[in-house]
Amino acid sequence: MIIKQNRGRYWLNWQRRMVSALQVVGAAACIWLLIALIFGEMGLPQYIAMRDHAGRLELELLTLRGETATLRSEVARLQHDSAKIEQFAREQLGYVRKGETVYRFSPDFDGTSGDATAP
């Protein structure tokens, strides 16, 4: 049978102090990590803001993809559909056929008789 020698009260007190010190250091490290997680440069508020921004970018990307598909179909129609080409020339370029009369109205036309004293 092996009997360990008693190291004495001094050793026991020293061991208890070391365990207490390690517990304090561990608790301080946990608190420091928690503070860094919440208030750090890449903390929780920054993560939430970046996640919301990524969601908005996804929605914008979806919208832009829809617009791209619409524009591609319009380009294809302009390349192959003569009625669409004519409509585009009339609306965007102001083209008219021979014999057609074009009426243009000024934007400030209000339909009055032109009398300056009219209320």
PDB file of N, CA and C in Angstrom:
ATOM      1  N   MET A   1       0.836  -1.166   0.000  1.00  0.00           N
ATOM      2  CA  MET A   1       0.000   0.000   0.000  1.00  0.00           C
ATOM      3  C   MET A   1       0.885   1.235   0.000  1.00  0.00           C
ATOM      4  N   ILE A   2       0.504   2.197  -0.874  1.00  0.00           N
ATOM      5  CA  ILE A   2       1.283   3.430  -0.999  1.00  0.00           C
ATOM      6  C   ILE A   2       0.549   4.538  -0.257  1.00  0.00           C
ATOM      7  N   ILE A   3       1.267   5.180   0.594  1.00  0.00           N
ATOM      8  CA  ILE A   3       0.687   6.292   1.346  1.00  0.00           C
ATOM      9  C   ILE A   3       1.395   7.552   0.893  1.00  0.00           C
ATOM     10  N   LYS A   4       0.554   8.536   0.476  1.00  0.00           N
ATOM     11  CA  LYS A   4       1.122   9.818   0.046  1.00  0.00           C
ATOM     12  C   LYS A   4       1.390  10.663   1.276  1.00  0.00           C
ATOM     13  N   GLN A   5       2.454  11.391   1.177  1.00  0.00           N
ATOM     14  CA  GLN A   5       2.809  12.255   2.286  1.00  0.00           C
ATOM     15  C   GLN A   5       1.898  13.475   2.262  1.00  0.00           C
ATOM     16  N   ASN A   6       1.441  13.889   3.396  1.00  0.00           N
ATOM     17  CA  ASN A   6       0.608  15.068   3.521  1.00  0.00           C
ATOM     18  C   ASN A   6       1.467  16.306   3.234  1.00  0.00           C
ATOM     19  N   ARG A   7       1.013  17.110   2.311  1.00  0.00           N
ATOM     20  CA  ARG A   7       1.805  18.273   1.927  1.00  0.00           C
ATOM     21  C   ARG A   7       1.575  19.445   2.870  1.00  0.00           C
ATOM     22  N   GLY A   8       0.582  19.401   3.641  1.00  0.00           N
ATOM     23  CA  GLY A   8       0.382  20.414   4.659  1.00  0.00           C
ATOM     24  C   GLY A   8      -0.645  21.465   4.268  1.00  0.00           C
ATOM     25  N   ARG A   9      -0.941  22.276   5.258  1.00  0.00           N
ATOM     26  CA  ARG A   9      -1.961  23.304   5.110  1.00  0.00           C
ATOM     27  C   ARG A   9      -1.528  24.361   4.099  1.00  0.00           C
ATOM     28  N   TYR A  10      -0.242  24.677   4.064  1.00  0.00           N
ATOM     29  CA  TYR A  10       0.260  25.681   3.126  1.00  0.00           C
ATOM     30  C   TYR A  10      -0.039  25.268   1.685  1.00  0.00           C
ATOM     31  N   TRP A  11       0.236  24.024   1.375  1.00  0.00           N
ATOM     32  CA  TRP A  11      -0.021  23.524   0.025  1.00  0.00           C
ATOM     33  C   TRP A  11      -1.504  23.571  -0.293  1.00  0.00           C
ATOM     34  N   LEU A  12      -2.364  23.213   0.604  1.00  0.00           N
ATOM     35  CA  LEU A  12      -3.810  23.219   0.390  1.00  0.00           C
ATOM     36  C   LEU A  12      -4.316  24.639   0.168  1.00  0.00           C
ATOM     37  N   ASN A  13      -3.853  25.588   0.958  1.00  0.00           N
ATOM     38  CA  ASN A  13      -4.269  26.984   0.773  1.00  0.00           C
ATOM     39  C   ASN A  13      -3.784  27.526  -0.576  1.00  0.00           C
ATOM     40  N   TRP A  14      -2.549  27.184  -0.912  1.00  0.00           N
ATOM     41  CA  TRP A  14      -2.011  27.635  -2.207  1.00  0.00           C
ATOM     42  C   TRP A  14      -2.822  27.056  -3.355  1.00  0.00           C
ATOM     43  N   GLN A  15      -3.194  25.813  -3.286  1.00  0.00           N
ATOM     44  CA  GLN A  15      -3.979  25.160  -4.324  1.00  0.00           C
ATOM     45  C   GLN A  15      -5.359  25.810  -4.439  1.00  0.00           C
ATOM     46  N   ARG A  16      -5.988  26.108  -3.329  1.00  0.00           N
ATOM     47  CA  ARG A  16      -7.303  26.768  -3.348  1.00  0.00           C
ATOM     48  C   ARG A  16      -7.203  28.163  -3.965  1.00  0.00           C
ATOM     49  N   ARG A  17      -6.138  28.899  -3.622  1.00  0.00           N
ATOM     50  CA  ARG A  17      -5.961  30.230  -4.207  1.00  0.00           C
ATOM     51  C   ARG A  17      -5.764  30.158  -5.719  1.00  0.00           C
ATOM     52  N   MET A  18      -5.022  29.173  -6.185  1.00  0.00           N
ATOM     53  CA  MET A  18      -4.792  29.019  -7.625  1.00  0.00           C
ATOM     54  C   MET A  18      -6.094  28.685  -8.358  1.00  0.00           C
ATOM     55  N   VAL A  19      -6.900  27.808  -7.772  1.00  0.00           N
ATOM     56  CA  VAL A  19      -8.190  27.460  -8.382  1.00  0.00           C
ATOM     57  C   VAL A  19      -9.087  28.690  -8.419  1.00  0.00           C
ATOM     58  N   SER A  20      -9.111  29.454  -7.336  1.00  0.00           N
ATOM     59  CA  SER A  20      -9.923  30.684  -7.308  1.00  0.00           C
ATOM     60  C   SER A  20      -9.426  31.686  -8.337  1.00  0.00           C
ATOM     61  N   ALA A  21      -8.107  31.822  -8.449  1.00  0.00           N
ATOM     62  CA  ALA A  21      -7.548  32.753  -9.423  1.00  0.00           C
ATOM     63  C   ALA A  21      -7.893  32.322 -10.843  1.00  0.00           C
ATOM     64  N   LEU A  22      -7.797  31.025 -11.105  1.00  0.00           N
ATOM     65  CA  LEU A  22      -8.160  30.530 -12.444  1.00  0.00           C
ATOM     66  C   LEU A  22      -9.641  30.736 -12.737  1.00  0.00           C
ATOM     67  N   GLN A  23     -10.481  30.592 -11.741  1.00  0.00           N
ATOM     68  CA  GLN A  23     -11.911  30.850 -11.929  1.00  0.00           C
ATOM     69  C   GLN A  23     -12.155  32.321 -12.258  1.00  0.00           C
ATOM     70  N   VAL A  24     -11.462  33.229 -11.564  1.00  0.00           N
ATOM     71  CA  VAL A  24     -11.608  34.661 -11.830  1.00  0.00           C
ATOM     72  C   VAL A  24     -11.117  34.994 -13.240  1.00  0.00           C
ATOM     73  N   VAL A  25      -9.954  34.428 -13.606  1.00  0.00           N
ATOM     74  CA  VAL A  25      -9.414  34.675 -14.948  1.00  0.00           C
ATOM     75  C   VAL A  25     -10.362  34.127 -16.016  1.00  0.00           C
ATOM     76  N   GLY A  26     -10.910  32.950 -15.786  1.00  0.00           N
ATOM     77  CA  GLY A  26     -11.859  32.357 -16.735  1.00  0.00           C
ATOM     78  C   GLY A  26     -13.119  33.198 -16.877  1.00  0.00           C
ATOM     79  N   ALA A  27     -13.648  33.677 -15.753  1.00  0.00           N
ATOM     80  CA  ALA A  27     -14.847  34.522 -15.793  1.00  0.00           C
ATOM     81  C   ALA A  27     -14.556  35.835 -16.519  1.00  0.00           C
ATOM     82  N   ALA A  28     -13.368  36.416 -16.248  1.00  0.00           N
ATOM     83  CA  ALA A  28     -12.997  37.668 -16.932  1.00  0.00           C
ATOM     84  C   ALA A  28     -12.848  37.440 -18.428  1.00  0.00           C
ATOM     85  N   ALA A  29     -12.278  36.306 -18.821  1.00  0.00           N
ATOM     86  CA  ALA A  29     -12.130  36.007 -20.243  1.00  0.00           C
ATOM     87  C   ALA A  29     -13.492  35.831 -20.907  1.00  0.00           C
ATOM     88  N   CYS A  30     -14.409  35.166 -20.228  1.00  0.00           N
ATOM     89  CA  CYS A  30     -15.765  34.999 -20.770  1.00  0.00           C
ATOM     90  C   CYS A  30     -16.464  36.344 -20.921  1.00  0.00           C
ATOM     91  N   ILE A  31     -16.334  37.208 -19.934  1.00  0.00           N
ATOM     92  CA  ILE A  31     -16.945  38.539 -20.016  1.00  0.00           C
ATOM     93  C   ILE A  31     -16.319  39.337 -21.144  1.00  0.00           C
ATOM     94  N   TRP A  32     -15.002  39.269 -21.283  1.00  0.00           N
ATOM     95  CA  TRP A  32     -14.321  39.985 -22.368  1.00  0.00           C
ATOM     96  C   TRP A  32     -14.787  39.484 -23.729  1.00  0.00           C
ATOM     97  N   LEU A  33     -14.925  38.175 -23.897  1.00  0.00           N
ATOM     98  CA  LEU A  33     -15.405  37.617 -25.164  1.00  0.00           C
ATOM     99  C   LEU A  33     -16.842  38.031 -25.456  1.00  0.00           C
ATOM    100  N   LEU A  34     -17.673  38.073 -24.429  1.00  0.00           N
ATOM    101  CA  LEU A  34     -19.056  38.496 -24.608  1.00  0.00           C
ATOM    102  C   LEU A  34     -19.128  39.964 -25.029  1.00  0.00           C
ATOM    103  N   ILE A  35     -18.333  40.799 -24.402  1.00  0.00           N
ATOM    104  CA  ILE A  35     -18.291  42.219 -24.776  1.00  0.00           C
ATOM    105  C   ILE A  35     -17.794  42.374 -26.212  1.00  0.00           C
ATOM    106  N   ALA A  36     -16.761  41.619 -26.585  1.00  0.00           N
ATOM    107  CA  ALA A  36     -16.236  41.679 -27.947  1.00  0.00           C
ATOM    108  C   ALA A  36     -17.287  41.214 -28.947  1.00  0.00           C
ATOM    109  N   LEU A  37     -18.071  40.202 -28.586  1.00  0.00           N
ATOM    110  CA  LEU A  37     -19.116  39.698 -29.470  1.00  0.00           C
ATOM    111  C   LEU A  37     -20.193  40.748 -29.701  1.00  0.00           C
ATOM    112  N   ILE A  38     -20.550  41.458 -28.673  1.00  0.00           N
ATOM    113  CA  ILE A  38     -21.645  42.417 -28.790  1.00  0.00           C
ATOM    114  C   ILE A  38     -21.174  43.756 -29.350  1.00  0.00           C
ATOM    115  N   PHE A  39     -20.081  44.286 -28.823  1.00  0.00           N
ATOM    116  CA  PHE A  39     -19.677  45.641 -29.174  1.00  0.00           C
ATOM    117  C   PHE A  39     -18.458  45.720 -30.075  1.00  0.00           C
ATOM    118  N   GLY A  40     -17.940  44.623 -30.515  1.00  0.00           N
ATOM    119  CA  GLY A  40     -16.735  44.621 -31.337  1.00  0.00           C
ATOM    120  C   GLY A  40     -16.984  45.157 -32.739  1.00  0.00           C
ATOM    121  N   GLU A  41     -15.907  45.262 -33.493  1.00  0.00           N
ATOM    122  CA  GLU A  41     -15.984  45.787 -34.853  1.00  0.00           C
ATOM    123  C   GLU A  41     -16.907  44.937 -35.728  1.00  0.00           C
ATOM    124  N   MET A  42     -16.839  43.655 -35.576  1.00  0.00           N
ATOM    125  CA  MET A  42     -17.713  42.750 -36.315  1.00  0.00           C
ATOM    126  C   MET A  42     -18.674  42.065 -35.349  1.00  0.00           C
ATOM    127  N   GLY A  43     -19.247  42.843 -34.459  1.00  0.00           N
ATOM    128  CA  GLY A  43     -20.125  42.321 -33.426  1.00  0.00           C
ATOM    129  C   GLY A  43     -21.514  42.005 -33.946  1.00  0.00           C
ATOM    130  N   LEU A  44     -22.372  41.703 -33.025  1.00  0.00           N
ATOM    131  CA  LEU A  44     -23.734  41.306 -33.327  1.00  0.00           C
ATOM    132  C   LEU A  44     -24.521  42.383 -34.074  1.00  0.00           C
ATOM    133  N   PRO A  45     -24.474  43.666 -33.677  1.00  0.00           N
ATOM    134  CA  PRO A  45     -25.213  44.689 -34.435  1.00  0.00           C
ATOM    135  C   PRO A  45     -24.724  44.804 -35.883  1.00  0.00           C
ATOM    136  N   GLN A  46     -23.423  44.707 -36.083  1.00  0.00           N
ATOM    137  CA  GLN A  46     -22.881  44.769 -37.440  1.00  0.00           C
ATOM    138  C   GLN A  46     -23.345  43.562 -38.257  1.00  0.00           C
ATOM    139  N   TYR A  47     -23.381  42.402 -37.635  1.00  0.00           N
ATOM    140  CA  TYR A  47     -23.846  41.191 -38.317  1.00  0.00           C
ATOM    141  C   TYR A  47     -25.298  41.340 -38.748  1.00  0.00           C
ATOM    142  N   ILE A  48     -26.134  41.862 -37.871  1.00  0.00           N
ATOM    143  CA  ILE A  48     -27.551  42.040 -38.196  1.00  0.00           C
ATOM    144  C   ILE A  48     -27.713  43.049 -39.325  1.00  0.00           C
ATOM    145  N   ALA A  49     -26.968  44.151 -39.272  1.00  0.00           N
ATOM    146  CA  ALA A  49     -27.043  45.155 -40.334  1.00  0.00           C
ATOM    147  C   ALA A  49     -26.590  44.575 -41.673  1.00  0.00           C
ATOM    148  N   MET A  50     -25.526  43.788 -41.642  1.00  0.00           N
ATOM    149  CA  MET A  50     -25.033  43.190 -42.886  1.00  0.00           C
ATOM    150  C   MET A  50     -26.021  42.157 -43.431  1.00  0.00           C
ATOM    151  N   ARG A  51     -26.670  41.426 -42.562  1.00  0.00           N
ATOM    152  CA  ARG A  51     -27.667  40.448 -42.999  1.00  0.00           C
ATOM    153  C   ARG A  51     -28.865  41.155 -43.647  1.00  0.00           C
ATOM    154  N   ASP A  52     -29.326  42.259 -43.057  1.00  0.00           N
ATOM    155  CA  ASP A  52     -30.420  43.025 -43.640  1.00  0.00           C
ATOM    156  C   ASP A  52     -30.019  43.616 -44.990  1.00  0.00           C
ATOM    157  N   HIS A  53     -28.798  44.118 -45.074  1.00  0.00           N
ATOM    158  CA  HIS A  53     -28.302  44.682 -46.329  1.00  0.00           C
ATOM    159  C   HIS A  53     -28.230  43.605 -47.411  1.00  0.00           C
ATOM    160  N   ALA A  54     -27.799  42.410 -47.046  1.00  0.00           N
ATOM    161  CA  ALA A  54     -27.741  41.300 -48.002  1.00  0.00           C
ATOM    162  C   ALA A  54     -29.139  40.944 -48.491  1.00  0.00           C
ATOM    163  N   GLY A  55     -30.123  41.006 -47.615  1.00  0.00           N
ATOM    164  CA  GLY A  55     -31.512  40.742 -48.028  1.00  0.00           C
ATOM    165  C   GLY A  55     -32.009  41.778 -49.016  1.00  0.00           C
ATOM    166  N   ARG A  56     -31.690  43.048 -48.744  1.00  0.00           N
ATOM    167  CA  ARG A  56     -32.100  44.106 -49.682  1.00  0.00           C
ATOM    168  C   ARG A  56     -31.403  43.940 -51.020  1.00  0.00           C
ATOM    169  N   LEU A  57     -30.130  43.555 -51.001  1.00  0.00           N
ATOM    170  CA  LEU A  57     -29.410  43.333 -52.257  1.00  0.00           C
ATOM    171  C   LEU A  57     -29.983  42.158 -53.035  1.00  0.00           C
ATOM    172  N   GLU A  58     -30.431  41.125 -52.344  1.00  0.00           N
ATOM    173  CA  GLU A  58     -31.057  39.985 -53.020  1.00  0.00           C
ATOM    174  C   GLU A  58     -32.342  40.426 -53.722  1.00  0.00           C
ATOM    175  N   LEU A  59     -33.146  41.257 -53.034  1.00  0.00           N
ATOM    176  CA  LEU A  59     -34.378  41.757 -53.657  1.00  0.00           C
ATOM    177  C   LEU A  59     -34.062  42.632 -54.867  1.00  0.00           C
ATOM    178  N   GLU A  60     -33.057  43.480 -54.738  1.00  0.00           N
ATOM    179  CA  GLU A  60     -32.664  44.335 -55.852  1.00  0.00           C
ATOM    180  C   GLU A  60     -32.159  43.494 -57.023  1.00  0.00           C
ATOM    181  N   LEU A  61     -31.411  42.457 -56.726  1.00  0.00           N
ATOM    182  CA  LEU A  61     -30.911  41.565 -57.766  1.00  0.00           C
ATOM    183  C   LEU A  61     -32.062  40.865 -58.479  1.00  0.00           C
ATOM    184  N   LEU A  62     -33.054  40.426 -57.729  1.00  0.00           N
ATOM    185  CA  LEU A  62     -34.224  39.785 -58.323  1.00  0.00           C
ATOM    186  C   LEU A  62     -34.967  40.755 -59.239  1.00  0.00           C
ATOM    187  N   THR A  63     -35.116  42.001 -58.791  1.00  0.00           N
ATOM    188  CA  THR A  63     -35.781  43.017 -59.604  1.00  0.00           C
ATOM    189  C   THR A  63     -34.988  43.294 -60.878  1.00  0.00           C
ATOM    190  N   LEU A  64     -33.686  43.423 -60.749  1.00  0.00           N
ATOM    191  CA  LEU A  64     -32.853  43.691 -61.924  1.00  0.00           C
ATOM    192  C   LEU A  64     -32.860  42.524 -62.905  1.00  0.00           C
ATOM    193  N   ARG A  65     -32.921  41.312 -62.401  1.00  0.00           N
ATOM    194  CA  ARG A  65     -33.016  40.158 -63.305  1.00  0.00           C
ATOM    195  C   ARG A  65     -34.328  40.180 -64.071  1.00  0.00           C
ATOM    196  N   GLY A  66     -35.411  40.576 -63.402  1.00  0.00           N
ATOM    197  CA  GLY A  66     -36.699  40.705 -64.093  1.00  0.00           C
ATOM    198  C   GLY A  66     -36.650  41.776 -65.169  1.00  0.00           C
ATOM    199  N   GLU A  67     -36.036  42.918 -64.845  1.00  0.00           N
ATOM    200  CA  GLU A  67     -35.899  43.988 -65.835  1.00  0.00           C
ATOM    201  C   GLU A  67     -35.034  43.540 -67.010  1.00  0.00           C
ATOM    202  N   THR A  68     -33.985  42.783 -66.723  1.00  0.00           N
ATOM    203  CA  THR A  68     -33.108  42.287 -67.780  1.00  0.00           C
ATOM    204  C   THR A  68     -33.873  41.359 -68.712  1.00  0.00           C
ATOM    205  N   ALA A  69     -34.678  40.484 -68.141  1.00  0.00           N
ATOM    206  CA  ALA A  69     -35.475  39.576 -68.967  1.00  0.00           C
ATOM    207  C   ALA A  69     -36.459  40.360 -69.833  1.00  0.00           C
ATOM    208  N   THR A  70     -37.094  41.390 -69.267  1.00  0.00           N
ATOM    209  CA  THR A  70     -38.036  42.218 -70.029  1.00  0.00           C
ATOM    210  C   THR A  70     -37.324  42.933 -71.168  1.00  0.00           C
ATOM    211  N   LEU A  71     -36.176  43.504 -70.879  1.00  0.00           N
ATOM    212  CA  LEU A  71     -35.423  44.220 -71.914  1.00  0.00           C
ATOM    213  C   LEU A  71     -34.916  43.277 -72.997  1.00  0.00           C
ATOM    214  N   ARG A  72     -34.507  42.082 -72.618  1.00  0.00           N
ATOM    215  CA  ARG A  72     -34.056  41.108 -73.626  1.00  0.00           C
ATOM    216  C   ARG A  72     -35.195  40.723 -74.566  1.00  0.00           C
ATOM    217  N   SER A  73     -36.376  40.531 -73.990  1.00  0.00           N
ATOM    218  CA  SER A  73     -37.516  40.188 -74.846  1.00  0.00           C
ATOM    219  C   SER A  73     -37.883  41.361 -75.747  1.00  0.00           C
ATOM    220  N   GLU A  74     -37.769  42.587 -75.242  1.00  0.00           N
ATOM    221  CA  GLU A  74     -38.060  43.756 -76.067  1.00  0.00           C
ATOM    222  C   GLU A  74     -37.033  43.899 -77.191  1.00  0.00           C
ATOM    223  N   VAL A  75     -35.773  43.633 -76.895  1.00  0.00           N
ATOM    224  CA  VAL A  75     -34.733  43.679 -77.925  1.00  0.00           C
ATOM    225  C   VAL A  75     -35.013  42.633 -79.001  1.00  0.00           C
ATOM    226  N   ALA A  76     -35.389  41.431 -78.562  1.00  0.00           N
ATOM    227  CA  ALA A  76     -35.704  40.373 -79.529  1.00  0.00           C
ATOM    228  C   ALA A  76     -36.883  40.775 -80.405  1.00  0.00           C
ATOM    229  N   ARG A  77     -37.901  41.396 -79.803  1.00  0.00           N
ATOM    230  CA  ARG A  77     -39.058  41.860 -80.594  1.00  0.00           C
ATOM    231  C   ARG A  77     -38.647  42.964 -81.553  1.00  0.00           C
ATOM    232  N   LEU A  78     -37.779  43.868 -81.130  1.00  0.00           N
ATOM    233  CA  LEU A  78     -37.328  44.939 -82.020  1.00  0.00           C
ATOM    234  C   LEU A  78     -36.496  44.389 -83.180  1.00  0.00           C
ATOM    235  N   GLN A  79     -35.801  43.303 -82.956  1.00  0.00           N
ATOM    236  CA  GLN A  79     -34.986  42.734 -84.018  1.00  0.00           C
ATOM    237  C   GLN A  79     -35.810  41.965 -85.039  1.00  0.00           C
ATOM    238  N   HIS A  80     -36.969  41.430 -84.633  1.00  0.00           N
ATOM    239  CA  HIS A  80     -37.691  40.523 -85.518  1.00  0.00           C
ATOM    240  C   HIS A  80     -39.126  40.953 -85.845  1.00  0.00           C
ATOM    241  N   ASP A  81     -39.726  41.848 -85.085  1.00  0.00           N
ATOM    242  CA  ASP A  81     -41.134  42.212 -85.276  1.00  0.00           C
ATOM    243  C   ASP A  81     -41.225  43.580 -85.937  1.00  0.00           C
ATOM    244  N   SER A  82     -41.732  43.620 -87.180  1.00  0.00           N
ATOM    245  CA  SER A  82     -41.792  44.892 -87.913  1.00  0.00           C
ATOM    246  C   SER A  82     -42.808  45.852 -87.296  1.00  0.00           C
ATOM    247  N   ALA A  83     -43.879  45.341 -86.699  1.00  0.00           N
ATOM    248  CA  ALA A  83     -44.866  46.220 -86.060  1.00  0.00           C
ATOM    249  C   ALA A  83     -44.249  46.905 -84.841  1.00  0.00           C
ATOM    250  N   LYS A  84     -43.430  46.177 -84.102  1.00  0.00           N
ATOM    251  CA  LYS A  84     -42.765  46.768 -82.933  1.00  0.00           C
ATOM    252  C   LYS A  84     -41.739  47.816 -83.371  1.00  0.00           C
ATOM    253  N   ILE A  85     -41.050  47.546 -84.477  1.00  0.00           N
ATOM    254  CA  ILE A  85     -40.077  48.518 -84.993  1.00  0.00           C
ATOM    255  C   ILE A  85     -40.793  49.802 -85.387  1.00  0.00           C
ATOM    256  N   GLU A  86     -41.937  49.665 -86.054  1.00  0.00           N
ATOM    257  CA  GLU A  86     -42.704  50.853 -86.459  1.00  0.00           C
ATOM    258  C   GLU A  86     -43.198  51.618 -85.225  1.00  0.00           C
ATOM    259  N   GLN A  87     -43.697  50.901 -84.234  1.00  0.00           N
ATOM    260  CA  GLN A  87     -44.172  51.552 -83.012  1.00  0.00           C
ATOM    261  C   GLN A  87     -43.036  52.306 -82.327  1.00  0.00           C
ATOM    262  N   PHE A  88     -41.874  51.698 -82.252  1.00  0.00           N
ATOM    263  CA  PHE A  88     -40.723  52.356 -81.645  1.00  0.00           C
ATOM    264  C   PHE A  88     -40.338  53.606 -82.429  1.00  0.00           C
ATOM    265  N   ALA A  89     -40.308  53.524 -83.761  1.00  0.00           N
ATOM    266  CA  ALA A  89     -39.939  54.673 -84.591  1.00  0.00           C
ATOM    267  C   ALA A  89     -40.931  55.813 -84.407  1.00  0.00           C
ATOM    268  N   ARG A  90     -42.194  55.497 -84.283  1.00  0.00           N
ATOM    269  CA  ARG A  90     -43.218  56.545 -84.097  1.00  0.00           C
ATOM    270  C   ARG A  90     -43.103  57.185 -82.703  1.00  0.00           C
ATOM    271  N   GLU A  91     -42.972  56.379 -81.668  1.00  0.00           N
ATOM    272  CA  GLU A  91     -42.984  56.907 -80.303  1.00  0.00           C
ATOM    273  C   GLU A  91     -41.667  57.576 -79.919  1.00  0.00           C
ATOM    274  N   GLN A  92     -40.559  56.922 -80.198  1.00  0.00           N
ATOM    275  CA  GLN A  92     -39.273  57.415 -79.720  1.00  0.00           C
ATOM    276  C   GLN A  92     -38.599  58.387 -80.693  1.00  0.00           C
ATOM    277  N   LEU A  93     -38.769  58.144 -81.983  1.00  0.00           N
ATOM    278  CA  LEU A  93     -38.048  58.954 -82.964  1.00  0.00           C
ATOM    279  C   LEU A  93     -38.928  59.989 -83.660  1.00  0.00           C
ATOM    280  N   GLY A  94     -40.247  59.893 -83.465  1.00  0.00           N
ATOM    281  CA  GLY A  94     -41.163  60.885 -84.037  1.00  0.00           C
ATOM    282  C   GLY A  94     -41.406  60.705 -85.527  1.00  0.00           C
ATOM    283  N   TYR A  95     -41.223  59.513 -86.073  1.00  0.00           N
ATOM    284  CA  TYR A  95     -41.453  59.273 -87.492  1.00  0.00           C
ATOM    285  C   TYR A  95     -42.945  59.215 -87.782  1.00  0.00           C
ATOM    286  N   VAL A  96     -43.314  59.647 -89.002  1.00  0.00           N
ATOM    287  CA  VAL A  96     -44.704  59.585 -89.460  1.00  0.00           C
ATOM    288  C   VAL A  96     -44.708  59.038 -90.882  1.00  0.00           C
ATOM    289  N   ARG A  97     -45.845  58.517 -91.302  1.00  0.00           N
ATOM    290  CA  ARG A  97     -46.003  58.026 -92.669  1.00  0.00           C
ATOM    291  C   ARG A  97     -46.353  59.193 -93.579  1.00  0.00           C
ATOM    292  N   LYS A  98     -46.160  58.960 -94.849  1.00  0.00           N
ATOM    293  CA  LYS A  98     -46.551  59.986 -95.823  1.00  0.00           C
ATOM    294  C   LYS A  98     -48.046  60.189 -95.749  1.00  0.00           C
ATOM    295  N   GLY A  99     -48.447  61.427 -95.771  1.00  0.00           N
ATOM    296  CA  GLY A  99     -49.862  61.765 -95.751  1.00  0.00           C
ATOM    297  C   GLY A  99     -50.452  61.892 -94.358  1.00  0.00           C
ATOM    298  N   GLU A 100     -49.738  61.538 -93.329  1.00  0.00           N
ATOM    299  CA  GLU A 100     -50.244  61.681 -91.967  1.00  0.00           C
ATOM    300  C   GLU A 100     -50.011  63.108 -91.484  1.00  0.00           C
ATOM    301  N   THR A 101     -50.940  63.587 -90.666  1.00  0.00           N
ATOM    302  CA  THR A 101     -50.821  64.917 -90.089  1.00  0.00           C
ATOM    303  C   THR A 101     -50.483  64.763 -88.612  1.00  0.00           C
ATOM    304  N   VAL A 102     -49.482  65.511 -88.177  1.00  0.00           N
ATOM    305  CA  VAL A 102     -49.041  65.429 -86.791  1.00  0.00           C
ATOM    306  C   VAL A 102     -49.519  66.667 -86.047  1.00  0.00           C
ATOM    307  N   TYR A 103     -50.157  66.435 -84.926  1.00  0.00           N
ATOM    308  CA  TYR A 103     -50.594  67.528 -84.056  1.00  0.00           C
ATOM    309  C   TYR A 103     -49.762  67.486 -82.793  1.00  0.00           C
ATOM    310  N   ARG A 104     -49.185  68.613 -82.445  1.00  0.00           N
ATOM    311  CA  ARG A 104     -48.397  68.705 -81.214  1.00  0.00           C
ATOM    312  C   ARG A 104     -49.022  69.742 -80.306  1.00  0.00           C
ATOM    313  N   PHE A 105     -49.131  69.401 -79.041  1.00  0.00           N
ATOM    314  CA  PHE A 105     -49.694  70.308 -78.057  1.00  0.00           C
ATOM    315  C   PHE A 105     -48.584  70.721 -77.104  1.00  0.00           C
ATOM    316  N   SER A 106     -48.593  72.001 -76.742  1.00  0.00           N
ATOM    317  CA  SER A 106     -47.587  72.468 -75.799  1.00  0.00           C
ATOM    318  C   SER A 106     -47.994  72.023 -74.392  1.00  0.00           C
ATOM    319  N   PRO A 107     -47.031  71.765 -73.504  1.00  0.00           N
ATOM    320  CA  PRO A 107     -47.359  71.281 -72.158  1.00  0.00           C
ATOM    321  C   PRO A 107     -48.111  72.301 -71.317  1.00  0.00           C
ATOM    322  N   ASP A 108     -47.985  73.608 -71.614  1.00  0.00           N
ATOM    323  CA  ASP A 108     -48.669  74.618 -70.809  1.00  0.00           C
ATOM    324  C   ASP A 108     -50.037  74.966 -71.381  1.00  0.00           C
ATOM    325  N   PHE A 109     -50.523  74.220 -72.352  1.00  0.00           N
ATOM    326  CA  PHE A 109     -51.836  74.465 -72.942  1.00  0.00           C
ATOM    327  C   PHE A 109     -52.910  74.095 -71.932  1.00  0.00           C
ATOM    328  N   ASP A 110     -53.745  75.107 -71.542  1.00  0.00           N
ATOM    329  CA  ASP A 110     -54.778  74.841 -70.549  1.00  0.00           C
ATOM    330  C   ASP A 110     -56.186  74.916 -71.126  1.00  0.00           C
ATOM    331  N   GLY A 111     -56.316  75.158 -72.439  1.00  0.00           N
ATOM    332  CA  GLY A 111     -57.634  75.131 -73.051  1.00  0.00           C
ATOM    333  C   GLY A 111     -58.386  76.453 -72.956  1.00  0.00           C
ATOM    334  N   THR A 112     -57.805  77.509 -72.439  1.00  0.00           N
ATOM    335  CA  THR A 112     -58.502  78.795 -72.351  1.00  0.00           C
ATOM    336  C   THR A 112     -58.457  79.494 -73.707  1.00  0.00           C
ATOM    337  N   SER A 113     -59.241  80.516 -73.839  1.00  0.00           N
ATOM    338  CA  SER A 113     -59.355  81.208 -75.123  1.00  0.00           C
ATOM    339  C   SER A 113     -58.146  82.102 -75.411  1.00  0.00           C
ATOM    340  N   GLY A 114     -57.260  82.227 -74.492  1.00  0.00           N
ATOM    341  CA  GLY A 114     -56.094  83.058 -74.698  1.00  0.00           C
ATOM    342  C   GLY A 114     -56.275  84.462 -74.145  1.00  0.00           C
ATOM    343  N   ASP A 115     -57.426  84.729 -73.544  1.00  0.00           N
ATOM    344  CA  ASP A 115     -57.708  86.040 -72.973  1.00  0.00           C
ATOM    345  C   ASP A 115     -56.900  86.165 -71.667  1.00  0.00           C
ATOM    346  N   ALA A 116     -56.065  87.188 -71.580  1.00  0.00           N
ATOM    347  CA  ALA A 116     -55.203  87.353 -70.414  1.00  0.00           C
ATOM    348  C   ALA A 116     -55.962  87.779 -69.179  1.00  0.00           C
ATOM    349  N   THR A 117     -57.171  88.344 -69.351  1.00  0.00           N
ATOM    350  CA  THR A 117     -57.937  88.815 -68.184  1.00  0.00           C
ATOM    351  C   THR A 117     -58.899  87.767 -67.671  1.00  0.00           C
ATOM    352  N   ALA A 118     -58.947  86.638 -68.291  1.00  0.00           N
ATOM    353  CA  ALA A 118     -59.888  85.601 -67.837  1.00  0.00           C
ATOM    354  C   ALA A 118     -59.426  85.046 -66.502  1.00  0.00           C
ATOM    355  N   PRO A 119     -60.360  84.798 -65.577  1.00  0.00           N
ATOM    356  CA  PRO A 119     -59.998  84.287 -64.254  1.00  0.00           C
ATOM    357  C   PRO A 119     -59.581  82.847 -64.283  1.00  0.00           C
TER     358      PRO A 119
END
